[in-house]
Amino acid sequence: MKKYETIFVINALLEDERIQEIIAIVKNLIESSAQLEKLEEWGKKRLAYEVNKQKEGYYVLVHFSAEPEFPAELERIYKITEGILKYLIVKREEK
């Protein structure tokens, strides 16, 4: 298993309940197919540039270990989940 980290940005205009639902969807997917190490909710922050006419987003950072095929599935879920503005998945280097 390789170590990864992902950050995703949720539309900050959504209700708090919907934001928590999206986080739960991602968390459950990672827990069912990979090994969740850490999940940090950074909260609402200003975006570096507007995305879909939004100036703020709700940031969530996740560290996990998974098989090399899993990030592609996670990316597919990000793309089809309404409310996620941006995401990034990177492989972490162990020192």
PDB file of N, CA and C in Angstrom:
ATOM      1  N   MET A   1       0.841  -1.187   0.000  1.00  0.00           N
ATOM      2  CA  MET A   1       0.000   0.000   0.000  1.00  0.00           C
ATOM      3  C   MET A   1       0.884   1.247   0.000  1.00  0.00           C
ATOM      4  N   LYS A   2       0.440   2.230  -0.746  1.00  0.00           N
ATOM      5  CA  LYS A   2       1.168   3.492  -0.842  1.00  0.00           C
ATOM      6  C   LYS A   2       0.423   4.563  -0.041  1.00  0.00           C
ATOM      7  N   LYS A   3       1.170   5.598   0.347  1.00  0.00           N
ATOM      8  CA  LYS A   3       0.589   6.675   1.143  1.00  0.00           C
ATOM      9  C   LYS A   3       0.213   7.838   0.222  1.00  0.00           C
ATOM     10  N   TYR A   4      -0.987   8.388   0.468  1.00  0.00           N
ATOM     11  CA  TYR A   4      -1.511   9.489  -0.336  1.00  0.00           C
ATOM     12  C   TYR A   4      -2.069  10.568   0.581  1.00  0.00           C
ATOM     13  N   GLU A   5      -2.239  11.746  -0.015  1.00  0.00           N
ATOM     14  CA  GLU A   5      -3.002  12.784   0.659  1.00  0.00           C
ATOM     15  C   GLU A   5      -3.880  13.442  -0.396  1.00  0.00           C
ATOM     16  N   THR A   6      -5.042  13.848   0.048  1.00  0.00           N
ATOM     17  CA  THR A   6      -5.972  14.528  -0.849  1.00  0.00           C
ATOM     18  C   THR A   6      -6.548  15.735  -0.129  1.00  0.00           C
ATOM     19  N   ILE A   7      -6.769  16.759  -0.898  1.00  0.00           N
ATOM     20  CA  ILE A   7      -7.462  17.928  -0.376  1.00  0.00           C
ATOM     21  C   ILE A   7      -8.610  18.201  -1.345  1.00  0.00           C
ATOM     22  N   PHE A   8      -9.767  18.498  -0.780  1.00  0.00           N
ATOM     23  CA  PHE A   8     -10.884  18.863  -1.636  1.00  0.00           C
ATOM     24  C   PHE A   8     -11.584  20.076  -1.060  1.00  0.00           C
ATOM     25  N   VAL A   9     -12.168  20.846  -1.971  1.00  0.00           N
ATOM     26  CA  VAL A   9     -12.817  22.105  -1.609  1.00  0.00           C
ATOM     27  C   VAL A   9     -14.300  21.983  -1.939  1.00  0.00           C
ATOM     28  N   ILE A  10     -15.123  22.209  -0.925  1.00  0.00           N
ATOM     29  CA  ILE A  10     -16.571  22.117  -1.068  1.00  0.00           C
ATOM     30  C   ILE A  10     -17.138  23.534  -1.179  1.00  0.00           C
ATOM     31  N   ASN A  11     -18.180  23.678  -1.953  1.00  0.00           N
ATOM     32  CA  ASN A  11     -18.871  24.958  -2.105  1.00  0.00           C
ATOM     33  C   ASN A  11     -19.294  25.469  -0.722  1.00  0.00           C
ATOM     34  N   ALA A  12     -18.795  26.623  -0.333  1.00  0.00           N
ATOM     35  CA  ALA A  12     -19.058  27.174   1.003  1.00  0.00           C
ATOM     36  C   ALA A  12     -20.484  27.702   1.153  1.00  0.00           C
ATOM     37  N   LEU A  13     -21.210  27.848   0.057  1.00  0.00           N
ATOM     38  CA  LEU A  13     -22.585  28.343   0.131  1.00  0.00           C
ATOM     39  C   LEU A  13     -23.578  27.242   0.500  1.00  0.00           C
ATOM     40  N   LEU A  14     -23.131  26.001   0.494  1.00  0.00           N
ATOM     41  CA  LEU A  14     -24.008  24.898   0.885  1.00  0.00           C
ATOM     42  C   LEU A  14     -24.299  24.962   2.376  1.00  0.00           C
ATOM     43  N   GLU A  15     -25.407  24.352   2.782  1.00  0.00           N
ATOM     44  CA  GLU A  15     -25.739  24.278   4.203  1.00  0.00           C
ATOM     45  C   GLU A  15     -24.712  23.400   4.916  1.00  0.00           C
ATOM     46  N   ASP A  16     -24.520  23.654   6.204  1.00  0.00           N
ATOM     47  CA  ASP A  16     -23.548  22.883   6.984  1.00  0.00           C
ATOM     48  C   ASP A  16     -23.842  21.390   6.945  1.00  0.00           C
ATOM     49  N   GLU A  17     -25.128  21.036   6.945  1.00  0.00           N
ATOM     50  CA  GLU A  17     -25.500  19.615   6.909  1.00  0.00           C
ATOM     51  C   GLU A  17     -25.032  18.965   5.619  1.00  0.00           C
ATOM     52  N   ARG A  18     -25.183  19.663   4.490  1.00  0.00           N
ATOM     53  CA  ARG A  18     -24.761  19.114   3.190  1.00  0.00           C
ATOM     54  C   ARG A  18     -23.241  19.004   3.128  1.00  0.00           C
ATOM     55  N   ILE A  19     -22.529  19.981   3.680  1.00  0.00           N
ATOM     56  CA  ILE A  19     -21.064  19.921   3.722  1.00  0.00           C
ATOM     57  C   ILE A  19     -20.632  18.687   4.501  1.00  0.00           C
ATOM     58  N   GLN A  20     -21.260  18.438   5.654  1.00  0.00           N
ATOM     59  CA  GLN A  20     -20.917  17.264   6.462  1.00  0.00           C
ATOM     60  C   GLN A  20     -21.273  15.958   5.742  1.00  0.00           C
ATOM     61  N   GLU A  21     -22.346  15.969   4.957  1.00  0.00           N
ATOM     62  CA  GLU A  21     -22.722  14.786   4.163  1.00  0.00           C
ATOM     63  C   GLU A  21     -21.637  14.461   3.143  1.00  0.00           C
ATOM     64  N   ILE A  22     -21.132  15.481   2.457  1.00  0.00           N
ATOM     65  CA  ILE A  22     -20.085  15.280   1.449  1.00  0.00           C
ATOM     66  C   ILE A  22     -18.823  14.744   2.105  1.00  0.00           C
ATOM     67  N   ILE A  23     -18.450  15.312   3.256  1.00  0.00           N
ATOM     68  CA  ILE A  23     -17.271  14.827   3.980  1.00  0.00           C
ATOM     69  C   ILE A  23     -17.476  13.369   4.380  1.00  0.00           C
ATOM     70  N   ALA A  24     -18.673  13.020   4.840  1.00  0.00           N
ATOM     71  CA  ALA A  24     -18.971  11.641   5.243  1.00  0.00           C
ATOM     72  C   ALA A  24     -18.890  10.685   4.056  1.00  0.00           C
ATOM     73  N   ILE A  25     -19.345  11.119   2.884  1.00  0.00           N
ATOM     74  CA  ILE A  25     -19.273  10.282   1.681  1.00  0.00           C
ATOM     75  C   ILE A  25     -17.820   9.948   1.373  1.00  0.00           C
ATOM     76  N   VAL A  26     -16.968  10.962   1.368  1.00  0.00           N
ATOM     77  CA  VAL A  26     -15.550  10.752   1.059  1.00  0.00           C
ATOM     78  C   VAL A  26     -14.888   9.897   2.140  1.00  0.00           C
ATOM     79  N   LYS A  27     -15.172  10.206   3.410  1.00  0.00           N
ATOM     80  CA  LYS A  27     -14.590   9.453   4.519  1.00  0.00           C
ATOM     81  C   LYS A  27     -14.993   7.975   4.455  1.00  0.00           C
ATOM     82  N   ASN A  28     -16.270   7.696   4.208  1.00  0.00           N
ATOM     83  CA  ASN A  28     -16.739   6.315   4.127  1.00  0.00           C
ATOM     84  C   ASN A  28     -16.108   5.566   2.965  1.00  0.00           C
ATOM     85  N   LEU A  29     -15.939   6.232   1.830  1.00  0.00           N
ATOM     86  CA  LEU A  29     -15.301   5.613   0.679  1.00  0.00           C
ATOM     87  C   LEU A  29     -13.854   5.243   1.013  1.00  0.00           C
ATOM     88  N   ILE A  30     -13.138   6.168   1.636  1.00  0.00           N
ATOM     89  CA  ILE A  30     -11.741   5.906   1.984  1.00  0.00           C
ATOM     90  C   ILE A  30     -11.645   4.789   3.021  1.00  0.00           C
ATOM     91  N   GLU A  31     -12.518   4.815   4.025  1.00  0.00           N
ATOM     92  CA  GLU A  31     -12.475   3.774   5.060  1.00  0.00           C
ATOM     93  C   GLU A  31     -12.834   2.396   4.509  1.00  0.00           C
ATOM     94  N   SER A  32     -13.686   2.340   3.492  1.00  0.00           N
ATOM     95  CA  SER A  32     -14.095   1.042   2.962  1.00  0.00           C
ATOM     96  C   SER A  32     -13.078   0.451   1.995  1.00  0.00           C
ATOM     97  N   SER A  33     -12.297   1.309   1.305  1.00  0.00           N
ATOM     98  CA  SER A  33     -11.375   0.809   0.286  1.00  0.00           C
ATOM     99  C   SER A  33      -9.910   1.073   0.593  1.00  0.00           C
ATOM    100  N   ALA A  34      -9.635   1.809   1.640  1.00  0.00           N
ATOM    101  CA  ALA A  34      -8.256   2.172   1.979  1.00  0.00           C
ATOM    102  C   ALA A  34      -8.145   2.292   3.496  1.00  0.00           C
ATOM    103  N   GLN A  35      -7.022   2.815   3.935  1.00  0.00           N
ATOM    104  CA  GLN A  35      -6.797   2.966   5.375  1.00  0.00           C
ATOM    105  C   GLN A  35      -6.677   4.461   5.692  1.00  0.00           C
ATOM    106  N   LEU A  36      -7.686   4.995   6.369  1.00  0.00           N
ATOM    107  CA  LEU A  36      -7.710   6.410   6.726  1.00  0.00           C
ATOM    108  C   LEU A  36      -6.704   6.665   7.843  1.00  0.00           C
ATOM    109  N   GLU A  37      -5.838   7.644   7.650  1.00  0.00           N
ATOM    110  CA  GLU A  37      -4.847   7.995   8.665  1.00  0.00           C
ATOM    111  C   GLU A  37      -5.219   9.274   9.403  1.00  0.00           C
ATOM    112  N   LYS A  38      -5.699  10.274   8.645  1.00  0.00           N
ATOM    113  CA  LYS A  38      -6.009  11.562   9.270  1.00  0.00           C
ATOM    114  C   LYS A  38      -6.995  12.320   8.393  1.00  0.00           C
ATOM    115  N   LEU A  39      -7.959  12.981   9.018  1.00  0.00           N
ATOM    116  CA  LEU A  39      -8.904  13.842   8.305  1.00  0.00           C
ATOM    117  C   LEU A  39      -8.963  15.167   9.055  1.00  0.00           C
ATOM    118  N   GLU A  40      -8.629  16.236   8.368  1.00  0.00           N
ATOM    119  CA  GLU A  40      -8.639  17.575   8.976  1.00  0.00           C
ATOM    120  C   GLU A  40      -9.607  18.477   8.218  1.00  0.00           C
ATOM    121  N   GLU A  41     -10.543  19.049   8.932  1.00  0.00           N
ATOM    122  CA  GLU A  41     -11.428  20.049   8.338  1.00  0.00           C
ATOM    123  C   GLU A  41     -10.816  21.421   8.598  1.00  0.00           C
ATOM    124  N   TRP A  42     -10.405  22.086   7.538  1.00  0.00           N
ATOM    125  CA  TRP A  42      -9.811  23.405   7.676  1.00  0.00           C
ATOM    126  C   TRP A  42     -10.867  24.503   7.722  1.00  0.00           C
ATOM    127  N   GLY A  43     -12.068  24.194   7.291  1.00  0.00           N
ATOM    128  CA  GLY A  43     -13.151  25.166   7.334  1.00  0.00           C
ATOM    129  C   GLY A  43     -13.172  26.086   6.124  1.00  0.00           C
ATOM    130  N   LYS A  44     -13.938  27.170   6.253  1.00  0.00           N
ATOM    131  CA  LYS A  44     -14.101  28.114   5.145  1.00  0.00           C
ATOM    132  C   LYS A  44     -12.866  28.987   5.020  1.00  0.00           C
ATOM    133  N   LYS A  45     -12.375  29.059   3.789  1.00  0.00           N
ATOM    134  CA  LYS A  45     -11.230  29.915   3.480  1.00  0.00           C
ATOM    135  C   LYS A  45     -11.460  30.556   2.115  1.00  0.00           C
ATOM    136  N   ARG A  46     -10.805  31.671   1.927  1.00  0.00           N
ATOM    137  CA  ARG A  46     -10.892  32.370   0.646  1.00  0.00           C
ATOM    138  C   ARG A  46     -10.115  31.579  -0.405  1.00  0.00           C
ATOM    139  N   LEU A  47     -10.704  31.439  -1.594  1.00  0.00           N
ATOM    140  CA  LEU A  47     -10.035  30.765  -2.698  1.00  0.00           C
ATOM    141  C   LEU A  47      -9.004  31.693  -3.327  1.00  0.00           C
ATOM    142  N   ALA A  48      -7.970  31.121  -3.915  1.00  0.00           N
ATOM    143  CA  ALA A  48      -6.943  31.926  -4.580  1.00  0.00           C
ATOM    144  C   ALA A  48      -7.519  32.627  -5.806  1.00  0.00           C
ATOM    145  N   TYR A  49      -8.501  31.993  -6.437  1.00  0.00           N
ATOM    146  CA  TYR A  49      -9.183  32.578  -7.584  1.00  0.00           C
ATOM    147  C   TYR A  49     -10.615  32.046  -7.593  1.00  0.00           C
ATOM    148  N   GLU A  50     -11.486  32.735  -8.287  1.00  0.00           N
ATOM    149  CA  GLU A  50     -12.888  32.320  -8.310  1.00  0.00           C
ATOM    150  C   GLU A  50     -13.046  30.992  -9.046  1.00  0.00           C
ATOM    151  N   VAL A  51     -13.878  30.120  -8.479  1.00  0.00           N
ATOM    152  CA  VAL A  51     -14.221  28.843  -9.105  1.00  0.00           C
ATOM    153  C   VAL A  51     -15.746  28.791  -9.147  1.00  0.00           C
ATOM    154  N   ASN A  52     -16.305  28.687 -10.334  1.00  0.00           N
ATOM    155  CA  ASN A  52     -17.764  28.688 -10.501  1.00  0.00           C
ATOM    156  C   ASN A  52     -18.412  29.884  -9.793  1.00  0.00           C
ATOM    157  N   LYS A  53     -17.788  31.041  -9.927  1.00  0.00           N
ATOM    158  CA  LYS A  53     -18.260  32.302  -9.332  1.00  0.00           C
ATOM    159  C   LYS A  53     -18.269  32.282  -7.800  1.00  0.00           C
ATOM    160  N   GLN A  54     -17.500  31.376  -7.200  1.00  0.00           N
ATOM    161  CA  GLN A  54     -17.389  31.289  -5.738  1.00  0.00           C
ATOM    162  C   GLN A  54     -16.059  31.889  -5.305  1.00  0.00           C
ATOM    163  N   LYS A  55     -16.084  32.650  -4.226  1.00  0.00           N
ATOM    164  CA  LYS A  55     -14.854  33.253  -3.697  1.00  0.00           C
ATOM    165  C   LYS A  55     -14.344  32.525  -2.474  1.00  0.00           C
ATOM    166  N   GLU A  56     -15.209  31.699  -1.837  1.00  0.00           N
ATOM    167  CA  GLU A  56     -14.821  30.943  -0.650  1.00  0.00           C
ATOM    168  C   GLU A  56     -15.118  29.476  -0.854  1.00  0.00           C
ATOM    169  N   GLY A  57     -14.355  28.641  -0.138  1.00  0.00           N
ATOM    170  CA  GLY A  57     -14.595  27.209  -0.177  1.00  0.00           C
ATOM    171  C   GLY A  57     -14.349  26.611   1.195  1.00  0.00           C
ATOM    172  N   TYR A  58     -14.896  25.430   1.423  1.00  0.00           N
ATOM    173  CA  TYR A  58     -14.709  24.700   2.682  1.00  0.00           C
ATOM    174  C   TYR A  58     -13.667  23.625   2.400  1.00  0.00           C
ATOM    175  N   TYR A  59     -12.495  23.745   3.034  1.00  0.00           N
ATOM    176  CA  TYR A  59     -11.353  22.874   2.746  1.00  0.00           C
ATOM    177  C   TYR A  59     -11.305  21.674   3.686  1.00  0.00           C
ATOM    178  N   VAL A  60     -10.970  20.499   3.116  1.00  0.00           N
ATOM    179  CA  VAL A  60     -10.808  19.272   3.898  1.00  0.00           C
ATOM    180  C   VAL A  60      -9.552  18.560   3.401  1.00  0.00           C
ATOM    181  N   LEU A  61      -8.666  18.185   4.325  1.00  0.00           N
ATOM    182  CA  LEU A  61      -7.431  17.468   4.015  1.00  0.00           C
ATOM    183  C   LEU A  61      -7.527  16.060   4.583  1.00  0.00           C
ATOM    184  N   VAL A  62      -7.136  15.056   3.776  1.00  0.00           N
ATOM    185  CA  VAL A  62      -7.197  13.668   4.215  1.00  0.00           C
ATOM    186  C   VAL A  62      -5.884  12.972   3.873  1.00  0.00           C
ATOM    187  N   HIS A  63      -5.325  12.235   4.840  1.00  0.00           N
ATOM    188  CA  HIS A  63      -4.165  11.371   4.609  1.00  0.00           C
ATOM    189  C   HIS A  63      -4.659   9.933   4.674  1.00  0.00           C
ATOM    190  N   PHE A  64      -4.213   9.106   3.718  1.00  0.00           N
ATOM    191  CA  PHE A  64      -4.638   7.710   3.710  1.00  0.00           C
ATOM    192  C   PHE A  64      -3.607   6.832   3.010  1.00  0.00           C
ATOM    193  N   SER A  65      -3.694   5.531   3.258  1.00  0.00           N
ATOM    194  CA  SER A  65      -2.877   4.533   2.572  1.00  0.00           C
ATOM    195  C   SER A  65      -3.815   3.693   1.726  1.00  0.00           C
ATOM    196  N   ALA A  66      -3.392   3.379   0.501  1.00  0.00           N
ATOM    197  CA  ALA A  66      -4.262   2.620  -0.390  1.00  0.00           C
ATOM    198  C   ALA A  66      -3.449   1.922  -1.469  1.00  0.00           C
ATOM    199  N   GLU A  67      -4.117   1.014  -2.152  1.00  0.00           N
ATOM    200  CA  GLU A  67      -3.534   0.376  -3.325  1.00  0.00           C
ATOM    201  C   GLU A  67      -3.472   1.417  -4.442  1.00  0.00           C
ATOM    202  N   PRO A  68      -2.553   1.264  -5.398  1.00  0.00           N
ATOM    203  CA  PRO A  68      -2.380   2.274  -6.461  1.00  0.00           C
ATOM    204  C   PRO A  68      -3.615   2.536  -7.324  1.00  0.00           C
ATOM    205  N   GLU A  69      -4.580   1.618  -7.369  1.00  0.00           N
ATOM    206  CA  GLU A  69      -5.766   1.813  -8.197  1.00  0.00           C
ATOM    207  C   GLU A  69      -6.796   2.729  -7.533  1.00  0.00           C
ATOM    208  N   PHE A  70      -6.759   2.844  -6.211  1.00  0.00           N
ATOM    209  CA  PHE A  70      -7.796   3.562  -5.475  1.00  0.00           C
ATOM    210  C   PHE A  70      -7.900   5.054  -5.796  1.00  0.00           C
ATOM    211  N   PRO A  71      -6.794   5.794  -5.955  1.00  0.00           N
ATOM    212  CA  PRO A  71      -6.942   7.235  -6.247  1.00  0.00           C
ATOM    213  C   PRO A  71      -7.791   7.531  -7.491  1.00  0.00           C
ATOM    214  N   ALA A  72      -7.754   6.664  -8.490  1.00  0.00           N
ATOM    215  CA  ALA A  72      -8.584   6.879  -9.681  1.00  0.00           C
ATOM    216  C   ALA A  72     -10.067   6.778  -9.328  1.00  0.00           C
ATOM    217  N   GLU A  73     -10.421   5.840  -8.459  1.00  0.00           N
ATOM    218  CA  GLU A  73     -11.814   5.704  -8.021  1.00  0.00           C
ATOM    219  C   GLU A  73     -12.228   6.920  -7.188  1.00  0.00           C
ATOM    220  N   LEU A  74     -11.343   7.376  -6.306  1.00  0.00           N
ATOM    221  CA  LEU A  74     -11.636   8.559  -5.489  1.00  0.00           C
ATOM    222  C   LEU A  74     -11.851   9.777  -6.384  1.00  0.00           C
ATOM    223  N   GLU A  75     -11.017   9.920  -7.408  1.00  0.00           N
ATOM    224  CA  GLU A  75     -11.163  11.035  -8.344  1.00  0.00           C
ATOM    225  C   GLU A  75     -12.508  10.957  -9.074  1.00  0.00           C
ATOM    226  N   ARG A  76     -12.931   9.765  -9.446  1.00  0.00           N
ATOM    227  CA  ARG A  76     -14.225   9.586 -10.105  1.00  0.00           C
ATOM    228  C   ARG A  76     -15.362  10.059  -9.199  1.00  0.00           C
ATOM    229  N   ILE A  77     -15.263   9.717  -7.899  1.00  0.00           N
ATOM    230  CA  ILE A  77     -16.285  10.137  -6.940  1.00  0.00           C
ATOM    231  C   ILE A  77     -16.279  11.659  -6.779  1.00  0.00           C
ATOM    232  N   TYR A  78     -15.081  12.254  -6.726  1.00  0.00           N
ATOM    233  CA  TYR A  78     -15.006  13.720  -6.634  1.00  0.00           C
ATOM    234  C   TYR A  78     -15.720  14.373  -7.818  1.00  0.00           C
ATOM    235  N   LYS A  79     -15.505  13.842  -9.017  1.00  0.00           N
ATOM    236  CA  LYS A  79     -16.073  14.441 -10.223  1.00  0.00           C
ATOM    237  C   LYS A  79     -17.598  14.377 -10.243  1.00  0.00           C
ATOM    238  N   ILE A  80     -18.178  13.307  -9.702  1.00  0.00           N
ATOM    239  CA  ILE A  80     -19.631  13.157  -9.785  1.00  0.00           C
ATOM    240  C   ILE A  80     -20.362  13.671  -8.547  1.00  0.00           C
ATOM    241  N   THR A  81     -19.624  14.079  -7.512  1.00  0.00           N
ATOM    242  CA  THR A  81     -20.261  14.582  -6.295  1.00  0.00           C
ATOM    243  C   THR A  81     -20.547  16.070  -6.448  1.00  0.00           C
ATOM    244  N   GLU A  82     -21.815  16.400  -6.445  1.00  0.00           N
ATOM    245  CA  GLU A  82     -22.216  17.786  -6.580  1.00  0.00           C
ATOM    246  C   GLU A  82     -21.839  18.544  -5.313  1.00  0.00           C
ATOM    247  N   GLY A  83     -21.199  19.682  -5.469  1.00  0.00           N
ATOM    248  CA  GLY A  83     -20.797  20.480  -4.316  1.00  0.00           C
ATOM    249  C   GLY A  83     -19.293  20.556  -4.153  1.00  0.00           C
ATOM    250  N   ILE A  84     -18.548  19.632  -4.769  1.00  0.00           N
ATOM    251  CA  ILE A  84     -17.084  19.685  -4.697  1.00  0.00           C
ATOM    252  C   ILE A  84     -16.595  20.573  -5.835  1.00  0.00           C
ATOM    253  N   LEU A  85     -15.901  21.663  -5.466  1.00  0.00           N
ATOM    254  CA  LEU A  85     -15.420  22.618  -6.456  1.00  0.00           C
ATOM    255  C   LEU A  85     -14.090  22.180  -7.057  1.00  0.00           C
ATOM    256  N   LYS A  86     -13.164  21.782  -6.217  1.00  0.00           N
ATOM    257  CA  LYS A  86     -11.808  21.404  -6.645  1.00  0.00           C
ATOM    258  C   LYS A  86     -11.308  20.279  -5.767  1.00  0.00           C
ATOM    259  N   TYR A  87     -10.331  19.541  -6.272  1.00  0.00           N
ATOM    260  CA  TYR A  87      -9.707  18.463  -5.496  1.00  0.00           C
ATOM    261  C   TYR A  87      -8.309  18.213  -6.028  1.00  0.00           C
ATOM    262  N   LEU A  88      -7.492  17.575  -5.218  1.00  0.00           N
ATOM    263  CA  LEU A  88      -6.144  17.190  -5.617  1.00  0.00           C
ATOM    264  C   LEU A  88      -5.771  15.945  -4.822  1.00  0.00           C
ATOM    265  N   ILE A  89      -5.197  14.957  -5.500  1.00  0.00           N
ATOM    266  CA  ILE A  89      -4.728  13.735  -4.858  1.00  0.00           C
ATOM    267  C   ILE A  89      -3.262  13.579  -5.212  1.00  0.00           C
ATOM    268  N   VAL A  90      -2.400  13.457  -4.203  1.00  0.00           N
ATOM    269  CA  VAL A  90      -0.967  13.288  -4.456  1.00  0.00           C
ATOM    270  C   VAL A  90      -0.410  12.138  -3.628  1.00  0.00           C
ATOM    271  N   LYS A  91       0.625  11.508  -4.159  1.00  0.00           N
ATOM    272  CA  LYS A  91       1.315  10.448  -3.447  1.00  0.00           C
ATOM    273  C   LYS A  91       2.323  11.099  -2.501  1.00  0.00           C
ATOM    274  N   ARG A  92       2.331  10.651  -1.234  1.00  0.00           N
ATOM    275  CA  ARG A  92       3.261  11.211  -0.252  1.00  0.00           C
ATOM    276  C   ARG A  92       4.563  10.430  -0.279  1.00  0.00           C
ATOM    277  N   GLU A  93       5.631  11.136  -0.151  1.00  0.00           N
ATOM    278  CA  GLU A  93       6.966  10.527  -0.068  1.00  0.00           C
ATOM    279  C   GLU A  93       7.292  10.284   1.396  1.00  0.00           C
ATOM    280  N   GLU A  94       7.697   9.078   1.707  1.00  0.00           N
ATOM    281  CA  GLU A  94       8.102   8.769   3.088  1.00  0.00           C
ATOM    282  C   GLU A  94       9.594   9.005   3.217  1.00  0.00           C
ATOM    283  N   LYS A  95       9.994   9.674   4.265  1.00  0.00           N
ATOM    284  CA  LYS A  95      11.421  10.008   4.465  1.00  0.00           C
ATOM    285  C   LYS A  95      12.071   8.997   5.371  1.00  0.00           C
TER     286      LYS A  95
END
